[in-house]
Amino acid sequence: MNMIEVLQVEHGVLRRMMDLIEDHAVKNPRANPPTEVCRMALDLLASHARMEDELLFTALEPHVGAYGPLILVDHRNDHREIAACFQAAARMGEGSVEKSLEAARFTRAHFDKEEKVLFTLARRALGKDELEELAVKAAKHR
């Protein structure tokens, strides 16, 4: 298994969590979001973002060209924004359902962007062996 495969598996798990958050909001529009799911998503997203930021993005930096650093900065900023949305949703209170939906939508869009842009770039730039080495580092990183 390589680093991109590891991250895609996590995207699948996190997308299922986004499904739960969105389903809850549709069925219970006046209720607070499922705070435990928001907290679990926040914890898993934090670990996931650290792996991307510290391992994959760091490995990509020498390969990204003139506009690459902006792509990586954009994705790192997304990680902070997603965390802030989930933190707001997990605190509950007025607007927390909307925050949980915003967090879920933003997270899905972020994953789509990563899978279309960054993972494609990583496959081209890093190659099979380096991506496998990053997966080993990711397992130790946890």
Protein backbone atom coordinates (compact mmCIF):
# COMPACT_ATOMS: atom_id res chain seq x y z
CA MET A 1 0.00 0.00 0.00
CA ASN A 2 1.32 3.44 -0.83
CA MET A 3 0.70 6.84 0.77
CA ILE A 4 -1.98 7.89 -1.68
CA GLU A 5 -3.89 4.65 -1.09
CA VAL A 6 -3.68 5.19 2.67
CA LEU A 7 -5.04 8.71 2.33
CA GLN A 8 -7.81 7.59 -0.03
CA VAL A 9 -8.93 4.92 2.46
CA GLU A 10 -9.12 7.63 5.12
CA HIS A 11 -11.07 9.86 2.72
CA GLY A 12 -13.60 7.03 2.39
CA VAL A 13 -14.01 6.73 6.16
CA LEU A 14 -14.29 10.48 6.55
CA ARG A 15 -16.81 10.76 3.71
CA ARG A 16 -18.99 8.25 5.58
CA MET A 17 -18.75 10.48 8.65
CA MET A 18 -19.83 13.44 6.49
CA ASP A 19 -22.82 11.33 5.37
CA LEU A 20 -23.83 10.81 9.00
CA ILE A 21 -23.54 14.52 9.77
CA GLU A 22 -25.55 15.52 6.69
CA ASP A 23 -28.22 12.84 7.28
CA HIS A 24 -28.64 14.02 10.86
CA ALA A 25 -29.04 17.64 9.75
CA VAL A 26 -31.67 16.72 7.15
CA LYS A 27 -33.66 14.56 9.57
CA ASN A 28 -33.24 16.89 12.59
CA PRO A 29 -32.85 20.43 11.21
CA ARG A 30 -33.55 22.08 14.58
CA ALA A 31 -31.40 19.73 16.66
CA ASN A 32 -27.75 20.14 17.48
CA PRO A 33 -25.36 18.29 15.19
CA PRO A 34 -24.15 14.85 16.25
CA THR A 35 -21.35 16.24 18.41
CA GLU A 36 -19.61 12.91 18.95
CA VAL A 37 -19.40 12.35 15.19
CA CYS A 38 -18.09 15.93 14.78
CA ARG A 39 -15.48 15.34 17.48
CA MET A 40 -14.42 12.00 15.98
CA ALA A 41 -14.22 13.61 12.53
CA LEU A 42 -12.14 16.44 14.00
CA ASP A 43 -9.70 13.98 15.61
CA LEU A 44 -9.35 11.83 12.50
CA LEU A 45 -9.08 14.89 10.25
CA ALA A 46 -6.32 16.35 12.45
CA SER A 47 -4.29 13.15 12.18
CA HIS A 48 -5.02 12.90 8.45
CA ALA A 49 -4.00 16.53 7.83
CA ARG A 50 -0.77 16.06 9.80
CA MET A 51 0.17 13.10 7.61
CA GLU A 52 -0.53 15.08 4.47
CA ASP A 53 1.19 18.26 5.66
CA GLU A 54 4.26 16.68 7.25
CA LEU A 55 4.81 13.71 4.95
CA LEU A 56 3.19 13.99 1.52
CA PHE A 57 3.30 17.77 1.05
CA THR A 58 6.84 17.99 2.40
CA ALA A 59 7.94 15.29 -0.05
CA LEU A 60 6.18 17.14 -2.89
CA GLU A 61 7.70 20.58 -2.19
CA PRO A 62 10.90 20.02 -4.24
CA HIS A 63 8.84 18.79 -7.22
CA VAL A 64 5.97 21.25 -7.53
CA GLY A 65 7.40 24.01 -9.72
CA ALA A 66 6.58 27.71 -9.71
CA TYR A 67 2.90 27.43 -8.71
CA GLY A 68 3.26 24.35 -6.55
CA PRO A 69 3.95 26.10 -3.27
CA LEU A 70 0.66 28.00 -3.66
CA ILE A 71 -1.21 24.72 -4.16
CA LEU A 72 0.33 23.27 -1.00
CA VAL A 73 -0.33 26.44 1.01
CA ASP A 74 -3.94 26.40 -0.19
CA HIS A 75 -4.39 22.81 0.97
CA ARG A 76 -2.75 23.49 4.32
CA ASN A 77 -5.08 26.48 4.78
CA ASP A 78 -8.04 24.24 3.94
CA HIS A 79 -6.96 21.89 6.74
CA ARG A 80 -7.09 24.76 9.25
CA GLU A 81 -10.46 25.97 7.98
CA ILE A 82 -11.99 22.49 8.14
CA ALA A 83 -10.76 22.08 11.72
CA ALA A 84 -12.24 25.46 12.71
CA CYS A 85 -15.64 24.51 11.23
CA PHE A 86 -15.73 21.18 13.05
CA GLN A 87 -14.63 22.82 16.31
CA ALA A 88 -17.49 25.30 16.01
CA ALA A 89 -19.97 22.51 15.25
CA ALA A 90 -18.74 20.37 18.15
CA ARG A 91 -19.21 23.26 20.61
CA MET A 92 -22.91 23.24 19.75
CA GLY A 93 -25.19 26.20 20.23
CA GLU A 94 -26.84 28.48 17.72
CA GLY A 95 -25.67 27.87 14.18
CA SER A 96 -23.90 24.61 14.99
CA VAL A 97 -26.02 22.55 12.58
CA GLU A 98 -25.13 24.97 9.80
CA LYS A 99 -21.47 24.79 10.83
CA SER A 100 -21.54 20.99 10.74
CA LEU A 101 -23.05 21.07 7.23
CA GLU A 102 -20.52 23.67 6.12
CA ALA A 103 -17.71 21.52 7.52
CA ALA A 104 -19.02 18.40 5.78
CA ARG A 105 -19.41 20.15 2.42
CA PHE A 106 -16.04 21.87 2.64
CA THR A 107 -14.35 18.60 3.61
CA ARG A 108 -15.85 16.79 0.62
CA ALA A 109 -14.77 19.57 -1.76
CA HIS A 110 -11.28 19.53 -0.25
CA PHE A 111 -10.97 15.76 -0.72
CA ASP A 112 -12.12 16.06 -4.33
CA LYS A 113 -9.48 18.72 -4.95
CA GLU A 114 -6.76 16.61 -3.33
CA GLU A 115 -7.70 13.51 -5.27
CA LYS A 116 -7.83 15.32 -8.62
CA VAL A 117 -4.84 17.63 -8.22
CA LEU A 118 -2.43 16.69 -5.44
CA PHE A 119 -2.64 12.92 -5.65
CA THR A 120 -2.15 13.08 -9.42
CA LEU A 121 0.84 15.35 -8.90
CA ALA A 122 2.23 13.04 -6.21
CA ARG A 123 1.95 9.96 -8.42
CA ARG A 124 3.90 11.71 -11.18
CA ALA A 125 6.49 13.44 -9.02
CA LEU A 126 7.26 10.89 -6.32
CA GLY A 127 6.95 7.50 -7.94
CA LYS A 128 6.02 4.11 -6.56
CA ASP A 129 8.97 3.53 -4.20
CA GLU A 130 8.81 6.92 -2.50
CA LEU A 131 5.02 6.67 -2.07
CA GLU A 132 5.45 3.25 -0.45
CA GLU A 133 8.15 4.63 1.86
CA LEU A 134 5.82 7.46 2.86
CA ALA A 135 3.12 4.91 3.76
CA VAL A 136 5.58 3.17 6.08
CA LYS A 137 6.44 6.53 7.67
CA ALA A 138 2.72 7.29 8.00
CA ALA A 139 2.15 4.04 9.92
CA LYS A 140 4.94 5.01 12.32
CA HIS A 141 3.66 8.58 12.45
CA ARG A 142 0.37 7.43 13.96
